[in-house]
Amino acid sequence: MALDKTRRFAILYFAQLNQMNAVPPILPGPKASKKSFWKRKLFIFPAIGLVIIFIGAGWLLRKHDPPVTVQTEKVSRRNITEVVVANGKIQPVLQVTISPEVSGEIIDLPVKEGQRVKKGDLLVKINPDIYLAAVNQAEAGYESSLASAASAKANLEKAESDYVRNQQLYNSNLVDESDFIGFKVARDVAKAQLESATDQVDVSQAAMDSAQDSLNKTTIVSPLDGTISKLNSELGERVLGTVQNEGTEIMVISDLSKMEARVDVGEMDVVGIAPGQKAHLEVDAFKDRKFDGIVTDVGSSSEDSNVPGGLSSSSGSGGGQTQEATKFEVRIRVTDRESFRPGMSVSADIETRYRTNVLTVPLASVTTRSVPQKADPPGNGGTNAVARGTNGAPTFGLGDLGKLSDVVFAVQGDHVNAVPVKIGVCDDNYWEITSGLTNGQEIVSGGYRAISRDLKDGAKIKKGFVVAEAEK
């Protein structure tokens, strides 16, 4: 750093000196030329001396820069599993909400929360009085429609008989045409009345069936074998049916023999999750235990997709709105059997990608530095040529211009070279290195401050223990 400042000072000094010497040309003359020559000598010799002094001072300062204390490790091969961590709740795979289809008062509730029930067991009975009366009324209407149909049938038989007899008389010219037309119309009317009465019988039958169905729905039985995981209503409470409304949620029945974890995964991680991937679960209620699971379903839309514009927002204390992270629900079937309860908190480690026998370095070894601009082709004399270290790998420091890139500091004796690398997947401790390093190569692995701030290409180092307090 001191040497760079010295160079910049020398450059500025020479620029000022050139400006001082850039005077208009003087007409040739022996006395003027000799005087100008010695005048330039008086400026040049002191300037050269000052430059030598500054360069020497900068070199001495750089030579005495203290080495950076680091920890080192060698590049090695390992198996790496990339893991996505997500949090959520334990829920049953099969869970049914019980709501009545008819409204009324609960007159029988023989179950309680936590009770096991079998398919077909009585859960709720609603007061059936009004529905029983509706059935009786529908039955009476049905009987009436049957009688009306029978009467219409008899009238049609009589009208048909009168029509046939008068048709014979009309053919014998014994009755007038007007009388014969009256009998014919009477027969047609009787036919229409019979058809109407028959349709009315069907209507009455449907009304009676509907009333009977409503009466049957006053008794609710269990649709599956399971456990009453939630009971919201009490005996004597009036409930609302779901025929034309949302209805009252009386209870929830869950099959606790098959449980799953429903976790929220961010949009950046959900693209790497697919059904069939393995997962390891930690349930807060079962400390120091891990359970195995399999991903069964990945949400196709975010949980806040019902918000206009697809943004989930919440009001802050100042009345404004802040955008929340987009989450997708992922379901993981728990393969281990345990006495889980719906709603327990769970943390899931989902294994998304695997790498076997790959080059790895510690997570702390990888940092970022500015990459030099694209190098000119060899032989073109360009000024953007990439500097190379003693091992032939391209190196660069904090002062280089360009885009940021991942680098690892490789140890070369008592110095380090900043080596650009390409990284792959990672786990909790190591990065996969796809290019830039070789197996067994010694690299800097600590401390954090040295890697992230102090080290640069060509920096002098010494190996030793890095005190944690010194990194702050």
Protein backbone atom coordinates (compact mmCIF):
# COMPACT_ATOMS: atom_id res chain seq x y z
CA MET A 1 0.00 0.00 0.00
CA ALA A 2 2.90 2.36 0.90
CA LEU A 3 4.63 1.53 -2.38
CA ASP A 4 1.50 2.35 -4.36
CA LYS A 5 1.24 5.75 -2.65
CA THR A 6 4.88 6.45 -3.46
CA ARG A 7 4.35 5.67 -7.12
CA ARG A 8 1.33 7.94 -7.34
CA PHE A 9 3.31 10.77 -5.68
CA ALA A 10 6.19 10.35 -8.13
CA ILE A 11 3.81 10.40 -11.10
CA LEU A 12 2.15 13.60 -9.86
CA TYR A 13 5.56 15.19 -9.22
CA PHE A 14 6.83 14.47 -12.73
CA ALA A 15 3.61 15.78 -14.24
CA GLN A 16 4.05 19.10 -12.42
CA LEU A 17 7.70 19.19 -13.45
CA ASN A 18 6.79 18.76 -17.12
CA GLN A 19 4.28 21.57 -16.86
CA MET A 20 6.99 23.84 -15.43
CA ASN A 21 9.39 22.97 -18.25
CA ALA A 22 6.80 23.34 -21.02
CA VAL A 23 7.78 26.95 -21.97
CA PRO A 24 7.62 28.45 -25.46
CA PRO A 25 10.77 27.86 -27.54
CA ILE A 26 13.46 30.60 -27.37
CA LEU A 27 15.24 31.91 -30.45
CA PRO A 28 18.54 30.15 -30.91
CA GLY A 29 21.50 31.80 -29.23
CA PRO A 30 24.54 30.37 -27.54
CA LYS A 31 24.05 32.11 -24.15
CA ALA A 32 20.32 31.29 -23.79
CA SER A 33 20.70 27.57 -24.62
CA LYS A 34 23.48 27.04 -22.07
CA LYS A 35 21.55 28.78 -19.31
CA SER A 36 18.36 26.74 -20.00
CA PHE A 37 20.37 23.49 -19.95
CA TRP A 38 21.79 24.10 -16.45
CA LYS A 39 18.39 25.28 -15.25
CA ARG A 40 16.83 21.94 -16.22
CA LYS A 41 19.66 20.10 -14.48
CA LEU A 42 18.87 21.90 -11.24
CA PHE A 43 15.26 20.54 -11.34
CA ILE A 44 15.91 16.99 -12.60
CA PHE A 45 18.61 15.84 -10.18
CA PRO A 46 16.68 16.74 -6.98
CA ALA A 47 13.55 15.15 -8.44
CA ILE A 48 15.34 11.87 -9.11
CA GLY A 49 16.73 11.90 -5.59
CA LEU A 50 13.29 12.45 -4.07
CA VAL A 51 11.80 9.58 -6.11
CA ILE A 52 14.56 7.22 -4.96
CA ILE A 53 14.00 8.24 -1.35
CA PHE A 54 10.20 7.72 -1.57
CA ILE A 55 10.54 4.34 -3.31
CA GLY A 56 13.03 3.14 -0.71
CA ALA A 57 10.81 4.32 2.15
CA GLY A 58 7.78 2.58 0.62
CA TRP A 59 9.73 -0.63 0.15
CA LEU A 60 10.90 -0.55 3.75
CA LEU A 61 7.36 0.08 5.01
CA ARG A 62 5.96 -2.76 2.95
CA LYS A 63 8.72 -5.08 4.01
CA HIS A 64 7.88 -4.48 7.65
CA ASP A 65 4.08 -5.03 7.29
CA PRO A 66 3.20 -7.61 9.97
CA PRO A 67 2.10 -11.00 8.62
CA VAL A 68 -1.57 -12.01 9.00
CA THR A 69 -2.18 -14.86 11.43
CA VAL A 70 -4.31 -17.55 9.77
CA GLN A 71 -5.37 -21.16 10.12
CA THR A 72 -4.93 -23.53 7.21
CA GLU A 73 -6.47 -26.74 5.95
CA LYS A 74 -5.99 -28.96 2.93
CA VAL A 75 -8.49 -29.48 0.15
CA SER A 76 -10.01 -32.95 0.50
CA ARG A 77 -12.70 -35.15 -0.99
CA ARG A 78 -16.00 -35.69 0.82
CA ASN A 79 -19.63 -36.59 0.28
CA ILE A 80 -21.93 -33.55 0.45
CA THR A 81 -25.68 -33.39 0.86
CA GLU A 82 -27.43 -30.06 0.30
CA VAL A 83 -30.19 -29.49 2.84
CA VAL A 84 -33.14 -27.07 2.87
CA VAL A 85 -34.36 -26.20 6.37
CA ALA A 86 -38.04 -25.37 6.87
CA ASN A 87 -40.42 -25.01 9.80
CA GLY A 88 -44.07 -25.93 10.14
CA LYS A 89 -46.62 -28.03 12.00
CA ILE A 90 -47.46 -31.70 12.39
CA GLN A 91 -50.89 -32.55 10.94
CA PRO A 92 -52.78 -35.77 10.16
CA VAL A 93 -52.72 -36.98 6.58
CA LEU A 94 -56.48 -37.64 6.77
CA GLN A 95 -58.53 -35.08 8.67
CA VAL A 96 -62.29 -34.50 8.36
CA THR A 97 -64.27 -31.49 9.58
CA ILE A 98 -67.78 -32.38 10.77
CA SER A 99 -70.41 -29.74 9.99
CA PRO A 100 -74.21 -30.31 9.90
CA GLU A 101 -76.13 -30.06 6.66
CA VAL A 102 -79.31 -29.04 8.51
CA SER A 103 -79.83 -26.43 11.21
CA GLY A 104 -81.18 -27.03 14.66
CA GLU A 105 -80.43 -27.76 18.31
CA ILE A 106 -77.99 -30.45 19.36
CA ILE A 107 -79.94 -32.93 21.51
CA ASP A 108 -77.33 -35.68 21.67
CA LEU A 109 -73.50 -35.41 21.72
CA PRO A 110 -72.12 -38.74 22.97
CA VAL A 111 -68.41 -38.01 22.21
CA LYS A 112 -65.70 -35.86 23.77
CA GLU A 113 -62.38 -34.48 22.56
CA GLY A 114 -59.64 -37.07 22.34
CA GLN A 115 -62.07 -40.00 22.12
CA ARG A 116 -61.44 -42.69 19.52
CA VAL A 117 -64.38 -43.49 17.24
CA LYS A 118 -65.06 -46.05 14.54
CA LYS A 119 -66.73 -45.57 11.21
CA GLY A 120 -70.53 -45.45 11.70
CA ASP A 121 -70.47 -44.41 15.40
CA LEU A 122 -72.99 -41.74 16.44
CA LEU A 123 -71.40 -38.30 16.74
CA VAL A 124 -74.24 -35.76 16.87
CA LYS A 125 -78.04 -35.77 16.85
CA ILE A 126 -79.99 -32.61 15.99
CA ASN A 127 -83.60 -32.02 17.07
CA PRO A 128 -85.66 -33.72 14.29
CA ASP A 129 -89.15 -32.39 15.16
CA ILE A 130 -89.52 -29.88 12.33
CA TYR A 131 -87.99 -32.30 9.83
CA LEU A 132 -90.30 -35.10 10.98
CA ALA A 133 -93.28 -32.79 10.47
CA ALA A 134 -91.99 -31.97 7.00
CA VAL A 135 -91.81 -35.69 6.21
CA ASN A 136 -95.41 -36.21 7.37
CA GLN A 137 -96.57 -33.28 5.28
CA ALA A 138 -94.72 -34.58 2.23
CA GLU A 139 -96.23 -38.03 2.69
CA ALA A 140 -99.72 -36.57 2.90
CA GLY A 141 -99.11 -34.59 -0.29
CA TYR A 142 -97.88 -37.74 -1.96
CA GLU A 143 -100.99 -39.67 -0.98
CA SER A 144 -103.15 -36.81 -2.23
CA SER A 145 -101.36 -36.79 -5.56
CA LEU A 146 -101.92 -40.54 -5.91
CA ALA A 147 -105.67 -40.02 -5.32
CA SER A 148 -105.77 -37.21 -7.86
CA ALA A 149 -104.01 -39.41 -10.39
CA ALA A 150 -106.53 -42.22 -9.79
CA SER A 151 -109.45 -39.79 -10.23
CA ALA A 152 -107.93 -38.41 -13.45
CA LYS A 153 -107.51 -41.94 -14.76
CA ALA A 154 -111.20 -42.76 -14.09
CA ASN A 155 -112.32 -39.55 -15.78
CA LEU A 156 -110.22 -40.44 -18.82
CA GLU A 157 -111.78 -43.90 -19.04
CA LYS A 158 -115.29 -42.39 -18.90
CA ALA A 159 -114.42 -39.72 -21.49
CA GLU A 160 -112.89 -42.36 -23.78
CA SER A 161 -116.03 -44.51 -23.51
CA ASP A 162 -118.33 -41.57 -24.29
CA TYR A 163 -116.17 -40.64 -27.26
CA VAL A 164 -116.27 -44.12 -28.77
CA ARG A 165 -120.06 -44.47 -28.36
CA ASN A 166 -120.83 -41.06 -29.83
CA GLN A 167 -118.42 -41.65 -32.70
CA GLN A 168 -120.56 -44.61 -33.79
CA LEU A 169 -123.71 -42.52 -33.52
CA TYR A 170 -122.06 -39.71 -35.46
CA ASN A 171 -121.07 -42.10 -38.20
CA SER A 172 -124.76 -43.17 -38.38
CA ASN A 173 -125.85 -39.52 -38.53
CA LEU A 174 -127.72 -39.90 -35.21
CA VAL A 175 -125.91 -37.02 -33.40
CA ASP A 176 -124.91 -33.59 -34.49
CA GLU A 177 -121.34 -32.78 -35.31
CA SER A 178 -121.14 -30.19 -32.54
CA ASP A 179 -122.11 -32.77 -29.91
CA PHE A 180 -119.51 -35.21 -31.24
CA ILE A 181 -116.78 -32.55 -31.10
CA GLY A 182 -117.71 -31.89 -27.44
CA PHE A 183 -117.13 -35.55 -26.52
CA LYS A 184 -113.80 -35.52 -28.36
CA VAL A 185 -112.62 -32.41 -26.48
CA ALA A 186 -113.69 -33.93 -23.18
CA ARG A 187 -111.56 -36.99 -23.91
CA ASP A 188 -108.48 -34.87 -24.73
CA VAL A 189 -108.94 -32.84 -21.53
CA ALA A 190 -109.11 -36.02 -19.47
CA LYS A 191 -105.86 -37.24 -21.02
CA ALA A 192 -104.10 -33.98 -20.12
CA GLN A 193 -105.45 -34.09 -16.56
CA LEU A 194 -104.12 -37.64 -16.14
CA GLU A 195 -100.67 -36.62 -17.35
CA SER A 196 -100.67 -33.65 -14.95
CA ALA A 197 -101.78 -35.84 -12.06
CA THR A 198 -99.04 -38.35 -12.88
CA ASP A 199 -96.39 -35.59 -12.88
CA GLN A 200 -97.74 -34.31 -9.59
CA VAL A 201 -97.21 -37.76 -8.11
CA ASP A 202 -93.53 -37.53 -9.14
CA VAL A 203 -93.25 -34.06 -7.58
CA SER A 204 -94.80 -35.27 -4.35
CA GLN A 205 -92.47 -38.27 -4.32
CA ALA A 206 -89.43 -36.00 -4.69
CA ALA A 207 -90.66 -33.70 -1.92
CA MET A 208 -91.17 -36.68 0.36
CA ASP A 209 -87.67 -38.01 -0.41
CA SER A 210 -86.13 -34.58 0.27
CA ALA A 211 -87.93 -34.27 3.58
CA GLN A 212 -86.84 -37.77 4.54
CA ASP A 213 -83.23 -36.94 3.60
CA SER A 214 -83.26 -33.82 5.78
CA LEU A 215 -84.66 -35.91 8.63
CA ASN A 216 -81.88 -38.46 8.19
CA LYS A 217 -79.26 -35.71 8.28
CA THR A 218 -80.25 -34.79 11.80
CA THR A 219 -78.20 -37.84 12.80
CA ILE A 220 -74.45 -37.57 12.06
CA VAL A 221 -72.17 -40.62 12.25
CA SER A 222 -68.38 -40.93 11.92
CA PRO A 223 -67.15 -41.23 8.30
CA LEU A 224 -63.86 -42.91 9.33
CA ASP A 225 -61.93 -44.59 12.10
CA GLY A 226 -60.07 -41.91 14.02
CA THR A 227 -59.84 -39.60 17.00
CA ILE A 228 -61.86 -36.52 17.93
CA SER A 229 -58.98 -34.06 17.66
CA LYS A 230 -61.14 -30.98 18.15
CA LEU A 231 -64.65 -30.47 19.61
CA ASN A 232 -66.12 -26.99 19.18
CA SER A 233 -69.82 -27.43 20.06
CA GLU A 234 -71.69 -28.40 23.22
CA LEU A 235 -74.94 -30.19 24.01
CA GLY A 236 -77.92 -27.84 23.56
CA GLU A 237 -76.12 -25.51 21.18
CA ARG A 238 -77.87 -24.42 18.01
CA VAL A 239 -75.89 -25.05 14.84
CA LEU A 240 -76.20 -23.74 11.31
CA GLY A 241 -76.48 -26.09 8.35
CA THR A 242 -74.33 -26.00 5.22
CA VAL A 243 -77.16 -26.10 2.67
CA GLN A 244 -76.96 -22.40 1.88
CA ASN A 245 -74.29 -21.23 4.36
CA GLU A 246 -70.79 -22.05 5.53
CA GLY A 247 -72.19 -23.98 8.46
CA THR A 248 -71.01 -24.57 12.00
CA GLU A 249 -67.83 -26.60 12.55
CA ILE A 250 -68.89 -29.00 15.28
CA MET A 251 -65.75 -31.16 15.51
CA VAL A 252 -62.69 -32.47 13.67
CA ILE A 253 -61.87 -36.19 13.31
CA SER A 254 -58.28 -37.15 12.52
CA ASP A 255 -56.57 -40.41 11.67
CA LEU A 256 -53.55 -40.10 13.99
CA SER A 257 -51.98 -43.29 12.68
CA LYS A 258 -50.74 -41.41 9.58
CA MET A 259 -49.09 -38.05 10.23
CA GLU A 260 -47.26 -35.54 8.06
CA ALA A 261 -45.27 -32.35 8.48
CA ARG A 262 -46.59 -29.31 6.63
CA VAL A 263 -43.71 -26.84 6.34
CA ASP A 264 -43.25 -23.48 4.60
CA VAL A 265 -40.40 -23.22 2.09
CA GLY A 266 -39.19 -20.00 0.47
CA GLU A 267 -39.46 -19.43 -3.27
CA MET A 268 -35.66 -19.62 -3.73
CA ASP A 269 -35.49 -23.15 -2.25
CA VAL A 270 -38.78 -24.71 -3.39
CA VAL A 271 -37.55 -25.19 -6.96
CA GLY A 272 -35.10 -27.82 -5.74
CA ILE A 273 -37.68 -29.86 -3.81
CA ALA A 274 -39.56 -32.77 -5.38
CA PRO A 275 -41.73 -35.66 -4.15
CA GLY A 276 -39.71 -38.66 -3.02
CA GLN A 277 -36.84 -36.72 -1.43
CA LYS A 278 -35.75 -37.73 2.06
CA ALA A 279 -36.16 -35.51 5.09
CA HIS A 280 -35.19 -35.55 8.75
CA LEU A 281 -37.64 -34.06 11.23
CA GLU A 282 -37.19 -32.59 14.70
CA VAL A 283 -40.37 -32.19 16.75
CA ASP A 284 -40.12 -29.77 19.65
CA ALA A 285 -42.13 -32.06 21.92
CA PHE A 286 -39.65 -34.94 21.39
CA LYS A 287 -36.27 -33.47 22.23
CA ASP A 288 -33.02 -35.15 21.15
CA ARG A 289 -34.91 -37.32 18.68
CA LYS A 290 -35.04 -37.25 14.90
CA PHE A 291 -37.71 -38.79 12.70
CA ASP A 292 -37.48 -39.83 9.07
CA GLY A 293 -39.85 -38.60 6.39
CA ILE A 294 -40.51 -38.53 2.65
CA VAL A 295 -41.68 -35.51 0.65
CA THR A 296 -45.13 -36.33 -0.75
CA ASP A 297 -46.38 -33.02 -2.12
CA VAL A 298 -45.00 -29.61 -3.13
CA GLY A 299 -47.37 -26.65 -3.36
CA SER A 300 -47.95 -25.46 -6.91
CA SER A 301 -48.94 -21.95 -5.78
CA SER A 302 -47.79 -19.74 -2.93
CA GLU A 303 -49.79 -19.50 0.25
CA ASP A 304 -50.40 -15.78 -0.33
CA SER A 305 -51.63 -16.20 -3.91
CA ASN A 306 -55.13 -15.17 -2.83
CA VAL A 307 -53.87 -11.65 -2.06
CA PRO A 308 -54.47 -9.21 -4.96
CA GLY A 309 -51.32 -8.85 -7.00
CA GLY A 310 -49.78 -11.94 -5.43
CA LEU A 311 -48.22 -9.94 -2.57
CA SER A 312 -48.64 -10.76 1.07
CA SER A 313 -48.63 -7.64 3.19
CA SER A 314 -49.20 -6.73 6.80
CA SER A 315 -49.88 -3.37 8.44
CA GLY A 316 -47.08 -1.93 10.53
CA SER A 317 -47.29 0.31 13.57
CA GLY A 318 -47.14 3.37 11.34
CA GLY A 319 -50.13 2.27 9.29
CA GLY A 320 -48.04 1.23 6.29
CA GLN A 321 -47.71 -2.15 4.67
CA THR A 322 -44.63 -4.37 4.46
CA GLN A 323 -44.21 -7.18 1.97
CA GLU A 324 -43.64 -10.64 3.46
CA ALA A 325 -41.57 -13.45 2.01
CA THR A 326 -43.33 -15.74 -0.47
CA LYS A 327 -43.81 -19.24 0.94
CA PHE A 328 -44.89 -22.58 -0.54
CA GLU A 329 -46.34 -25.46 1.48
CA VAL A 330 -44.43 -28.74 1.35
CA ARG A 331 -45.88 -31.92 2.86
CA ILE A 332 -43.61 -34.59 4.33
CA ARG A 333 -44.99 -38.00 5.34
CA VAL A 334 -43.57 -39.14 8.69
CA THR A 335 -42.46 -42.77 8.36
CA ASP A 336 -41.84 -43.29 12.10
CA ARG A 337 -44.75 -44.05 14.44
CA GLU A 338 -45.09 -41.88 17.52
CA SER A 339 -47.84 -40.29 19.58
CA PHE A 340 -47.85 -37.02 17.66
CA ARG A 341 -50.56 -34.44 18.26
CA PRO A 342 -51.93 -32.19 15.52
CA GLY A 343 -50.37 -28.73 15.63
CA MET A 344 -46.98 -29.70 17.13
CA SER A 345 -44.09 -27.55 15.91
CA VAL A 346 -41.59 -29.29 13.64
CA SER A 347 -38.35 -28.41 11.87
CA ALA A 348 -37.49 -30.31 8.67
CA ASP A 349 -34.13 -30.83 6.94
CA ILE A 350 -34.96 -31.77 3.35
CA GLU A 351 -32.15 -33.40 1.37
CA THR A 352 -32.32 -31.85 -2.10
CA ARG A 353 -29.01 -32.61 -3.86
CA TYR A 354 -26.21 -35.13 -3.31
CA ARG A 355 -22.52 -35.15 -4.32
CA THR A 356 -20.14 -38.04 -3.68
CA ASN A 357 -16.33 -37.93 -3.51
CA VAL A 358 -16.01 -34.28 -4.55
CA LEU A 359 -13.38 -31.66 -3.71
CA THR A 360 -14.44 -29.61 -0.69
CA VAL A 361 -13.27 -26.66 1.38
CA PRO A 362 -14.67 -25.21 4.63
CA LEU A 363 -17.47 -22.71 4.25
CA ALA A 364 -15.34 -19.99 5.85
CA SER A 365 -12.60 -20.44 3.23
CA VAL A 366 -14.71 -19.03 0.40
CA THR A 367 -14.99 -15.26 0.14
CA THR A 368 -15.46 -12.70 -2.64
CA ARG A 369 -13.06 -10.37 -4.39
CA SER A 370 -13.24 -8.15 -7.47
CA VAL A 371 -12.36 -10.02 -10.66
CA PRO A 372 -10.12 -8.16 -13.17
CA GLN A 373 -11.64 -7.23 -16.51
CA LYS A 374 -11.37 -9.70 -19.37
CA ALA A 375 -7.73 -10.25 -20.32
CA ASP A 376 -6.43 -9.28 -23.75
CA PRO A 377 -5.20 -12.12 -25.99
CA PRO A 378 -1.49 -12.97 -25.54
CA GLY A 379 0.83 -10.94 -27.75
CA ASN A 380 -1.51 -7.96 -28.17
CA GLY A 381 0.29 -5.90 -25.56
CA GLY A 382 -2.95 -5.18 -23.72
CA THR A 383 -3.00 -3.67 -20.26
CA ASN A 384 -5.76 -5.92 -18.91
CA ALA A 385 -3.71 -9.10 -18.66
CA VAL A 386 -4.61 -11.15 -15.58
CA ALA A 387 -1.83 -11.49 -13.03
CA ARG A 388 -0.78 -15.04 -12.21
CA GLY A 389 0.66 -16.46 -9.03
CA THR A 390 3.60 -18.77 -8.55
CA ASN A 391 1.44 -21.82 -9.28
CA GLY A 392 0.24 -20.38 -12.61
CA ALA A 393 -3.33 -19.75 -11.35
CA PRO A 394 -4.87 -16.33 -11.99
CA THR A 395 -4.77 -14.12 -8.90
CA PHE A 396 -6.10 -10.73 -7.92
CA GLY A 397 -6.49 -8.51 -4.90
CA LEU A 398 -8.89 -6.07 -3.36
CA GLY A 399 -7.80 -3.24 -5.62
CA ASP A 400 -8.59 -4.94 -8.93
CA LEU A 401 -11.57 -3.67 -10.87
CA GLY A 402 -14.37 -5.86 -12.20
CA LYS A 403 -17.22 -8.01 -10.99
CA LEU A 404 -17.15 -9.92 -7.71
CA SER A 405 -16.19 -13.58 -7.81
CA ASP A 406 -15.72 -16.41 -5.31
CA VAL A 407 -12.10 -16.93 -4.28
CA VAL A 408 -10.05 -19.11 -1.94
CA PHE A 409 -6.65 -18.08 -0.57
CA ALA A 410 -4.10 -20.79 -1.44
CA VAL A 411 -0.96 -20.99 0.71
CA GLN A 412 2.40 -20.56 -1.10
CA GLY A 413 5.15 -20.70 1.53
CA ASP A 414 4.74 -17.64 3.75
CA HIS A 415 2.37 -15.90 1.29
CA VAL A 416 -1.10 -16.51 -0.13
CA ASN A 417 -2.54 -16.30 -3.61
CA ALA A 418 -6.20 -15.40 -4.24
CA VAL A 419 -7.43 -18.21 -6.49
CA PRO A 420 -10.82 -17.83 -8.24
CA VAL A 421 -13.00 -20.92 -7.81
CA LYS A 422 -16.38 -22.22 -8.87
CA ILE A 423 -18.57 -23.61 -6.13
CA GLY A 424 -21.34 -26.20 -6.27
CA VAL A 425 -23.58 -27.48 -3.49
CA CYS A 426 -22.88 -27.07 0.22
CA ASP A 427 -23.86 -28.60 3.53
CA ASP A 428 -23.52 -27.21 7.04
CA ASN A 429 -19.69 -27.21 6.95
CA TYR A 430 -18.25 -27.49 3.43
CA TRP A 431 -18.51 -26.12 -0.10
CA GLU A 432 -18.12 -28.26 -3.19
CA ILE A 433 -15.35 -26.92 -5.45
CA THR A 434 -15.93 -27.69 -9.13
CA SER A 435 -12.86 -25.87 -10.49
CA GLY A 436 -9.86 -23.82 -9.35
CA LEU A 437 -8.27 -26.11 -6.73
CA THR A 438 -6.64 -29.53 -6.56
CA ASN A 439 -6.85 -32.30 -4.00
CA GLY A 440 -4.41 -31.82 -1.11
CA GLN A 441 -3.76 -28.14 -1.84
CA GLU A 442 -3.26 -26.08 1.32
CA ILE A 443 -5.71 -23.21 1.78
CA VAL A 444 -6.60 -20.65 4.43
CA SER A 445 -9.54 -21.75 6.58
CA GLY A 446 -9.56 -19.04 9.29
CA GLY A 447 -10.05 -16.65 10.85
CA TYR A 448 -13.09 -14.91 9.54
CA ARG A 449 -11.68 -11.37 9.65
CA ALA A 450 -8.46 -12.41 7.88
CA ILE A 451 -10.35 -14.06 5.00
CA SER A 452 -13.09 -11.48 4.62
CA ARG A 453 -11.03 -8.29 5.13
CA ASP A 454 -7.30 -8.51 5.80
CA LEU A 455 -5.97 -10.94 3.21
CA LYS A 456 -5.20 -9.98 -0.35
CA ASP A 457 -3.25 -11.57 -3.16
CA GLY A 458 0.42 -11.88 -2.19
CA ALA A 459 -0.16 -11.07 1.49
CA LYS A 460 2.34 -12.45 3.98
CA ILE A 461 0.95 -14.88 6.56
CA LYS A 462 1.91 -16.91 9.56
CA LYS A 463 0.15 -20.01 10.80
CA GLY A 464 -1.23 -19.95 14.29
CA PHE A 465 -4.29 -19.99 16.50
CA VAL A 466 -6.75 -17.21 15.73
CA VAL A 467 -8.38 -15.75 18.86
CA ALA A 468 -12.11 -15.23 18.32
CA GLU A 469 -12.08 -11.83 20.03
CA ALA A 470 -9.42 -10.57 17.64
CA GLU A 471 -11.72 -11.18 14.64
CA LYS A 472 -14.37 -8.73 15.81
